[in-house]
C-alpha cells in the first residue's frame, strides 16, 4: 500500500468487517467471522470510480504489478 501511495494511488484493506468496527466490537451477539476476517486481512481495494479512464486502470494495474514484484 505504501508503494502504491508513493505512486499517487490510494488503496486500503479491501473488505470492511462490521464486527471489528468500534461501534460493534465486543457487543452482544458479536461472534468471530473467520471468512470475513480472512477476506479483510488479505484483500486490497484499489481506486474504483466512474472517472477512471482505461489508461488510469492500466497504470494502476502496472503499478500494482511492480509493487508486488518488488516484494518477491
PDB file of N, CA and C in Angstrom:
ATOM      1  N   UNK A   1       0.827  -1.184   0.000  1.00  0.00           N
ATOM      2  CA  UNK A   1       0.000   0.000   0.000  1.00  0.00           C
ATOM      3  C   UNK A   1       0.879   1.258   0.000  1.00  0.00           C
ATOM      4  N   UNK A   2       2.015   1.196   0.699  1.00  0.00           N
ATOM      5  CA  UNK A   2       2.920   2.359   0.708  1.00  0.00           C
ATOM      6  C   UNK A   2       3.505   2.603  -0.680  1.00  0.00           C
ATOM      7  N   UNK A   3       3.866   1.530  -1.374  1.00  0.00           N
ATOM      8  CA  UNK A   3       4.417   1.683  -2.721  1.00  0.00           C
ATOM      9  C   UNK A   3       3.376   2.304  -3.659  1.00  0.00           C
ATOM     10  N   UNK A   4       2.149   1.869  -3.553  1.00  0.00           N
ATOM     11  CA  UNK A   4       1.090   2.440  -4.381  1.00  0.00           C
ATOM     12  C   UNK A   4       0.893   3.914  -4.042  1.00  0.00           C
ATOM     13  N   UNK A   5       0.880   4.236  -2.750  1.00  0.00           N
ATOM     14  CA  UNK A   5       0.677   5.618  -2.331  1.00  0.00           C
ATOM     15  C   UNK A   5       1.796   6.520  -2.836  1.00  0.00           C
ATOM     16  N   UNK A   6       3.027   6.014  -2.811  1.00  0.00           N
ATOM     17  CA  UNK A   6       4.150   6.803  -3.336  1.00  0.00           C
ATOM     18  C   UNK A   6       3.962   7.097  -4.825  1.00  0.00           C
ATOM     19  N   UNK A   7       3.231   6.233  -5.522  1.00  0.00           N
ATOM     20  CA  UNK A   7       2.943   6.442  -6.946  1.00  0.00           C
ATOM     21  C   UNK A   7       1.659   7.243  -7.147  1.00  0.00           C
ATOM     22  N   UNK A   8       1.053   7.719  -6.039  1.00  0.00           N
ATOM     23  CA  UNK A   8      -0.155   8.524  -6.132  1.00  0.00           C
ATOM     24  C   UNK A   8      -1.434   7.724  -6.239  1.00  0.00           C
ATOM     25  N   UNK A   9      -1.378   6.447  -5.857  1.00  0.00           N
ATOM     26  CA  UNK A   9      -2.548   5.574  -5.941  1.00  0.00           C
ATOM     27  C   UNK A   9      -2.992   5.211  -4.526  1.00  0.00           C
ATOM     28  N   UNK A  10      -4.169   5.653  -4.160  1.00  0.00           N
ATOM     29  CA  UNK A  10      -4.712   5.345  -2.835  1.00  0.00           C
ATOM     30  C   UNK A  10      -5.239   3.915  -2.828  1.00  0.00           C
ATOM     31  N   UNK A  11      -5.076   3.248  -1.709  1.00  0.00           N
ATOM     32  CA  UNK A  11      -5.633   1.907  -1.546  1.00  0.00           C
ATOM     33  C   UNK A  11      -5.952   1.722  -0.068  1.00  0.00           C
ATOM     34  N   UNK A  12      -6.679   0.662   0.228  1.00  0.00           N
ATOM     35  CA  UNK A  12      -6.999   0.346   1.619  1.00  0.00           C
ATOM     36  C   UNK A  12      -7.293  -1.140   1.710  1.00  0.00           C
ATOM     37  N   UNK A  13      -7.423  -1.616   2.936  1.00  0.00           N
ATOM     38  CA  UNK A  13      -7.835  -3.003   3.110  1.00  0.00           C
ATOM     39  C   UNK A  13      -9.158  -3.173   2.370  1.00  0.00           C
ATOM     40  N   UNK A  14      -9.295  -4.284   1.680  1.00  0.00           N
ATOM     41  CA  UNK A  14     -10.395  -4.434   0.737  1.00  0.00           C
ATOM     42  C   UNK A  14     -11.772  -4.704   1.279  1.00  0.00           C
ATOM     43  N   UNK A  15     -11.892  -5.306   2.427  1.00  0.00           N
ATOM     44  CA  UNK A  15     -13.212  -5.672   2.921  1.00  0.00           C
ATOM     45  C   UNK A  15     -13.362  -5.155   4.342  1.00  0.00           C
ATOM     46  N   UNK A  16     -14.400  -4.389   4.577  1.00  0.00           N
ATOM     47  CA  UNK A  16     -14.679  -3.924   5.933  1.00  0.00           C
ATOM     48  C   UNK A  16     -15.457  -5.018   6.659  1.00  0.00           C
ATOM     49  N   UNK A  17     -15.134  -5.223   7.897  1.00  0.00           N
ATOM     50  CA  UNK A  17     -15.845  -6.204   8.714  1.00  0.00           C
ATOM     51  C   UNK A  17     -16.539  -5.451   9.841  1.00  0.00           C
ATOM     52  N   UNK A  18     -17.850  -5.377   9.785  1.00  0.00           N
ATOM     53  CA  UNK A  18     -18.612  -4.579  10.747  1.00  0.00           C
ATOM     54  C   UNK A  18     -18.333  -4.997  12.183  1.00  0.00           C
ATOM     55  N   UNK A  19     -18.172  -6.283  12.422  1.00  0.00           N
ATOM     56  CA  UNK A  19     -17.988  -6.732  13.798  1.00  0.00           C
ATOM     57  C   UNK A  19     -16.645  -6.305  14.389  1.00  0.00           C
ATOM     58  N   UNK A  20     -15.742  -5.794  13.556  1.00  0.00           N
ATOM     59  CA  UNK A  20     -14.470  -5.272  14.051  1.00  0.00           C
ATOM     60  C   UNK A  20     -14.500  -3.761  14.241  1.00  0.00           C
ATOM     61  N   UNK A  21     -15.532  -3.109  13.775  1.00  0.00           N
ATOM     62  CA  UNK A  21     -15.652  -1.665  13.910  1.00  0.00           C
ATOM     63  C   UNK A  21     -15.972  -1.318  15.363  1.00  0.00           C
ATOM     64  N   UNK A  22     -15.423  -0.193  15.862  1.00  0.00           N
ATOM     65  CA  UNK A  22     -15.615   0.164  17.270  1.00  0.00           C
ATOM     66  C   UNK A  22     -17.073   0.177  17.717  1.00  0.00           C
ATOM     67  N   UNK A  23     -17.968   0.599  16.862  1.00  0.00           N
ATOM     68  CA  UNK A  23     -19.381   0.677  17.257  1.00  0.00           C
ATOM     69  C   UNK A  23     -19.985  -0.694  17.546  1.00  0.00           C
ATOM     70  N   UNK A  24     -19.429  -1.744  16.982  1.00  0.00           N
ATOM     71  CA  UNK A  24     -19.990  -3.080  17.137  1.00  0.00           C
ATOM     72  C   UNK A  24     -19.087  -4.036  17.909  1.00  0.00           C
ATOM     73  N   UNK A  25     -17.796  -3.772  17.916  1.00  0.00           N
ATOM     74  CA  UNK A  25     -16.840  -4.690  18.533  1.00  0.00           C
ATOM     75  C   UNK A  25     -17.194  -4.963  19.991  1.00  0.00           C
ATOM     76  N   UNK A  26     -17.226  -6.214  20.341  1.00  0.00           N
ATOM     77  CA  UNK A  26     -17.488  -6.612  21.718  1.00  0.00           C
ATOM     78  C   UNK A  26     -18.936  -6.489  22.151  1.00  0.00           C
ATOM     79  N   UNK A  27     -19.806  -6.153  21.229  1.00  0.00           N
ATOM     80  CA  UNK A  27     -21.221  -6.007  21.569  1.00  0.00           C
ATOM     81  C   UNK A  27     -21.884  -7.357  21.747  1.00  0.00           C
ATOM     82  N   UNK A  28     -23.104  -7.351  22.240  1.00  0.00           N
ATOM     83  CA  UNK A  28     -23.818  -8.612  22.441  1.00  0.00           C
ATOM     84  C   UNK A  28     -24.058  -9.330  21.114  1.00  0.00           C
ATOM     85  N   UNK A  29     -23.810 -10.615  21.109  1.00  0.00           N
ATOM     86  CA  UNK A  29     -24.052 -11.425  19.928  1.00  0.00           C
ATOM     87  C   UNK A  29     -22.982 -11.317  18.862  1.00  0.00           C
ATOM     88  N   UNK A  30     -21.926 -10.545  19.108  1.00  0.00           N
ATOM     89  CA  UNK A  30     -20.856 -10.412  18.122  1.00  0.00           C
ATOM     90  C   UNK A  30     -19.930 -11.613  18.257  1.00  0.00           C
ATOM     91  N   UNK A  31     -19.870 -12.373  17.190  1.00  0.00           N
ATOM     92  CA  UNK A  31     -19.044 -13.582  17.179  1.00  0.00           C
ATOM     93  C   UNK A  31     -17.962 -13.434  16.122  1.00  0.00           C
ATOM     94  N   UNK A  32     -16.873 -14.201  16.260  1.00  0.00           N
ATOM     95  CA  UNK A  32     -15.857 -14.185  15.202  1.00  0.00           C
ATOM     96  C   UNK A  32     -16.460 -14.656  13.874  1.00  0.00           C
ATOM     97  N   UNK A  33     -16.010 -14.049  12.818  1.00  0.00           N
ATOM     98  CA  UNK A  33     -16.437 -14.422  11.463  1.00  0.00           C
ATOM     99  C   UNK A  33     -15.172 -14.704  10.664  1.00  0.00           C
ATOM    100  N   UNK A  34     -14.668 -15.939  10.745  1.00  0.00           N
ATOM    101  CA  UNK A  34     -13.356 -16.244  10.174  1.00  0.00           C
ATOM    102  C   UNK A  34     -13.224 -15.965   8.681  1.00  0.00           C
ATOM    103  N   UNK A  35     -14.245 -16.200   7.911  1.00  0.00           N
ATOM    104  CA  UNK A  35     -14.130 -15.954   6.462  1.00  0.00           C
ATOM    105  C   UNK A  35     -14.079 -14.462   6.168  1.00  0.00           C
ATOM    106  N   UNK A  36     -14.916 -13.693   6.843  1.00  0.00           N
ATOM    107  CA  UNK A  36     -14.884 -12.239   6.674  1.00  0.00           C
ATOM    108  C   UNK A  36     -13.547 -11.677   7.131  1.00  0.00           C
ATOM    109  N   UNK A  37     -13.051 -12.180   8.247  1.00  0.00           N
ATOM    110  CA  UNK A  37     -11.776 -11.709   8.771  1.00  0.00           C
ATOM    111  C   UNK A  37     -10.636 -12.052   7.817  1.00  0.00           C
ATOM    112  N   UNK A  38     -10.649 -13.244   7.253  1.00  0.00           N
ATOM    113  CA  UNK A  38      -9.610 -13.639   6.296  1.00  0.00           C
ATOM    114  C   UNK A  38      -9.664 -12.742   5.060  1.00  0.00           C
ATOM    115  N   UNK A  39     -10.859 -12.459   4.564  1.00  0.00           N
ATOM    116  CA  UNK A  39     -11.001 -11.576   3.402  1.00  0.00           C
ATOM    117  C   UNK A  39     -10.487 -10.180   3.739  1.00  0.00           C
ATOM    118  N   UNK A  40     -10.817  -9.690   4.914  1.00  0.00           N
ATOM    119  CA  UNK A  40     -10.373  -8.369   5.337  1.00  0.00           C
ATOM    120  C   UNK A  40      -8.856  -8.309   5.468  1.00  0.00           C
ATOM    121  N   UNK A  41      -8.287  -9.355   6.011  1.00  0.00           N
ATOM    122  CA  UNK A  41      -6.854  -9.378   6.284  1.00  0.00           C
ATOM    123  C   UNK A  41      -5.993  -9.592   5.048  1.00  0.00           C
ATOM    124  N   UNK A  42      -6.573 -10.070   3.962  1.00  0.00           N
ATOM    125  CA  UNK A  42      -5.764 -10.442   2.800  1.00  0.00           C
ATOM    126  C   UNK A  42      -6.180  -9.762   1.495  1.00  0.00           C
ATOM    127  N   UNK A  43      -7.074  -8.805   1.552  1.00  0.00           N
ATOM    128  CA  UNK A  43      -7.520  -8.176   0.310  1.00  0.00           C
ATOM    129  C   UNK A  43      -7.104  -6.712   0.261  1.00  0.00           C
ATOM    130  N   UNK A  44      -7.201  -6.151  -0.911  1.00  0.00           N
ATOM    131  CA  UNK A  44      -6.795  -4.775  -1.155  1.00  0.00           C
ATOM    132  C   UNK A  44      -7.836  -4.122  -2.056  1.00  0.00           C
ATOM    133  N   UNK A  45      -8.281  -2.939  -1.673  1.00  0.00           N
ATOM    134  CA  UNK A  45      -9.206  -2.181  -2.510  1.00  0.00           C
ATOM    135  C   UNK A  45      -8.418  -1.116  -3.263  1.00  0.00           C
ATOM    136  N   UNK A  46      -8.586  -1.115  -4.557  1.00  0.00           N
ATOM    137  CA  UNK A  46      -7.924  -0.149  -5.430  1.00  0.00           C
ATOM    138  C   UNK A  46      -8.935   0.905  -5.862  1.00  0.00           C
ATOM    139  N   UNK A  47      -8.478   2.010  -6.437  1.00  0.00           N
ATOM    140  CA  UNK A  47      -9.422   3.030  -6.893  1.00  0.00           C
ATOM    141  C   UNK A  47     -10.479   2.439  -7.831  1.00  0.00           C
ATOM    142  N   UNK A  48     -11.704   2.834  -7.607  1.00  0.00           N
ATOM    143  CA  UNK A  48     -12.814   2.346  -8.412  1.00  0.00           C
ATOM    144  C   UNK A  48     -13.886   3.432  -8.448  1.00  0.00           C
ATOM    145  N   UNK A  49     -13.953   4.120  -9.569  1.00  0.00           N
ATOM    146  CA  UNK A  49     -14.983   5.157  -9.740  1.00  0.00           C
ATOM    147  C   UNK A  49     -15.168   5.441 -11.223  1.00  0.00           C
ATOM    148  N   UNK A  50     -16.235   6.069 -11.544  1.00  0.00           N
ATOM    149  CA  UNK A  50     -16.600   6.318 -12.934  1.00  0.00           C
ATOM    150  C   UNK A  50     -15.653   7.221 -13.692  1.00  0.00           C
ATOM    151  N   UNK A  51     -14.812   7.959 -12.968  1.00  0.00           N
ATOM    152  CA  UNK A  51     -13.894   8.876 -13.632  1.00  0.00           C
ATOM    153  C   UNK A  51     -12.593   8.246 -14.092  1.00  0.00           C
ATOM    154  N   UNK A  52     -12.401   6.975 -13.803  1.00  0.00           N
ATOM    155  CA  UNK A  52     -11.161   6.307 -14.220  1.00  0.00           C
ATOM    156  C   UNK A  52     -11.195   6.017 -15.723  1.00  0.00           C
ATOM    157  N   UNK A  53     -10.132   6.400 -16.377  1.00  0.00           N
ATOM    158  CA  UNK A  53     -10.023   6.093 -17.803  1.00  0.00           C
ATOM    159  C   UNK A  53      -9.366   4.730 -17.971  1.00  0.00           C
ATOM    160  N   UNK A  54      -9.363   4.235 -19.177  1.00  0.00           N
ATOM    161  CA  UNK A  54      -8.684   2.970 -19.452  1.00  0.00           C
ATOM    162  C   UNK A  54      -7.191   3.101 -19.155  1.00  0.00           C
ATOM    163  N   UNK A  55      -6.618   4.259 -19.472  1.00  0.00           N
ATOM    164  CA  UNK A  55      -5.207   4.488 -19.165  1.00  0.00           C
ATOM    165  C   UNK A  55      -4.961   4.494 -17.657  1.00  0.00           C
ATOM    166  N   UNK A  56      -5.888   5.092 -16.896  1.00  0.00           N
ATOM    167  CA  UNK A  56      -5.773   5.073 -15.434  1.00  0.00           C
ATOM    168  C   UNK A  56      -5.759   3.639 -14.923  1.00  0.00           C
ATOM    169  N   UNK A  57      -6.673   2.835 -15.410  1.00  0.00           N
ATOM    170  CA  UNK A  57      -6.762   1.433 -14.986  1.00  0.00           C
ATOM    171  C   UNK A  57      -5.488   0.680 -15.336  1.00  0.00           C
ATOM    172  N   UNK A  58      -4.978   0.919 -16.514  1.00  0.00           N
ATOM    173  CA  UNK A  58      -3.732   0.263 -16.941  1.00  0.00           C
ATOM    174  C   UNK A  58      -2.576   0.689 -16.035  1.00  0.00           C
ATOM    175  N   UNK A  59      -2.500   1.967 -15.733  1.00  0.00           N
ATOM    176  CA  UNK A  59      -1.434   2.482 -14.874  1.00  0.00           C
ATOM    177  C   UNK A  59      -1.522   1.893 -13.465  1.00  0.00           C
ATOM    178  N   UNK A  60      -2.726   1.800 -12.922  1.00  0.00           N
ATOM    179  CA  UNK A  60      -2.924   1.210 -11.595  1.00  0.00           C
ATOM    180  C   UNK A  60      -2.477  -0.250 -11.610  1.00  0.00           C
ATOM    181  N   UNK A  61      -2.882  -0.982 -12.624  1.00  0.00           N
ATOM    182  CA  UNK A  61      -2.522  -2.403 -12.717  1.00  0.00           C
ATOM    183  C   UNK A  61      -1.011  -2.578 -12.845  1.00  0.00           C
ATOM    184  N   UNK A  62      -0.380  -1.760 -13.661  1.00  0.00           N
ATOM    185  CA  UNK A  62       1.074  -1.862 -13.834  1.00  0.00           C
ATOM    186  C   UNK A  62       1.810  -1.494 -12.553  1.00  0.00           C
ATOM    187  N   UNK A  63       1.352  -0.460 -11.880  1.00  0.00           N
ATOM    188  CA  UNK A  63       1.975  -0.062 -10.619  1.00  0.00           C
ATOM    189  C   UNK A  63       1.823  -1.149  -9.573  1.00  0.00           C
ATOM    190  N   UNK A  64       0.646  -1.746  -9.497  1.00  0.00           N
ATOM    191  CA  UNK A  64       0.427  -2.855  -8.555  1.00  0.00           C
ATOM    192  C   UNK A  64       1.341  -4.020  -8.896  1.00  0.00           C
ATOM    193  N   UNK A  65       1.449  -4.345 -10.165  1.00  0.00           N
ATOM    194  CA  UNK A  65       2.310  -5.447 -10.599  1.00  0.00           C
ATOM    195  C   UNK A  65       3.770  -5.190 -10.185  1.00  0.00           C
ATOM    196  N   UNK A  66       4.251  -3.984 -10.362  1.00  0.00           N
ATOM    197  CA  UNK A  66       5.623  -3.651  -9.969  1.00  0.00           C
ATOM    198  C   UNK A  66       5.785  -3.692  -8.447  1.00  0.00           C
ATOM    199  N   UNK A  67       4.794  -3.215  -7.724  1.00  0.00           N
ATOM    200  CA  UNK A  67       4.865  -3.234  -6.257  1.00  0.00           C
ATOM    201  C   UNK A  67       4.924  -4.663  -5.736  1.00  0.00           C
ATOM    202  N   UNK A  68       4.119  -5.539  -6.312  1.00  0.00           N
ATOM    203  CA  UNK A  68       4.130  -6.948  -5.890  1.00  0.00           C
ATOM    204  C   UNK A  68       5.458  -7.606  -6.261  1.00  0.00           C
ATOM    205  N   UNK A  69       5.956  -7.327  -7.453  1.00  0.00           N
ATOM    206  CA  UNK A  69       7.223  -7.906  -7.892  1.00  0.00           C
ATOM    207  C   UNK A  69       8.372  -7.472  -6.978  1.00  0.00           C
ATOM    208  N   UNK A  70       8.315  -6.250  -6.484  1.00  0.00           N
ATOM    209  CA  UNK A  70       9.367  -5.747  -5.593  1.00  0.00           C
ATOM    210  C   UNK A  70       9.372  -6.484  -4.260  1.00  0.00           C
ATOM    211  N   UNK A  71       8.249  -7.076  -3.895  1.00  0.00           N
ATOM    212  CA  UNK A  71       8.160  -7.805  -2.628  1.00  0.00           C
ATOM    213  C   UNK A  71       8.725  -9.231  -2.735  1.00  0.00           C
ATOM    214  N   UNK A  72       8.802  -9.732  -3.959  1.00  0.00           N
ATOM    215  CA  UNK A  72       9.238 -11.124  -4.157  1.00  0.00           C
ATOM    216  C   UNK A  72      10.733 -11.250  -4.301  1.00  0.00           C
TER     217      UNK A  72
END
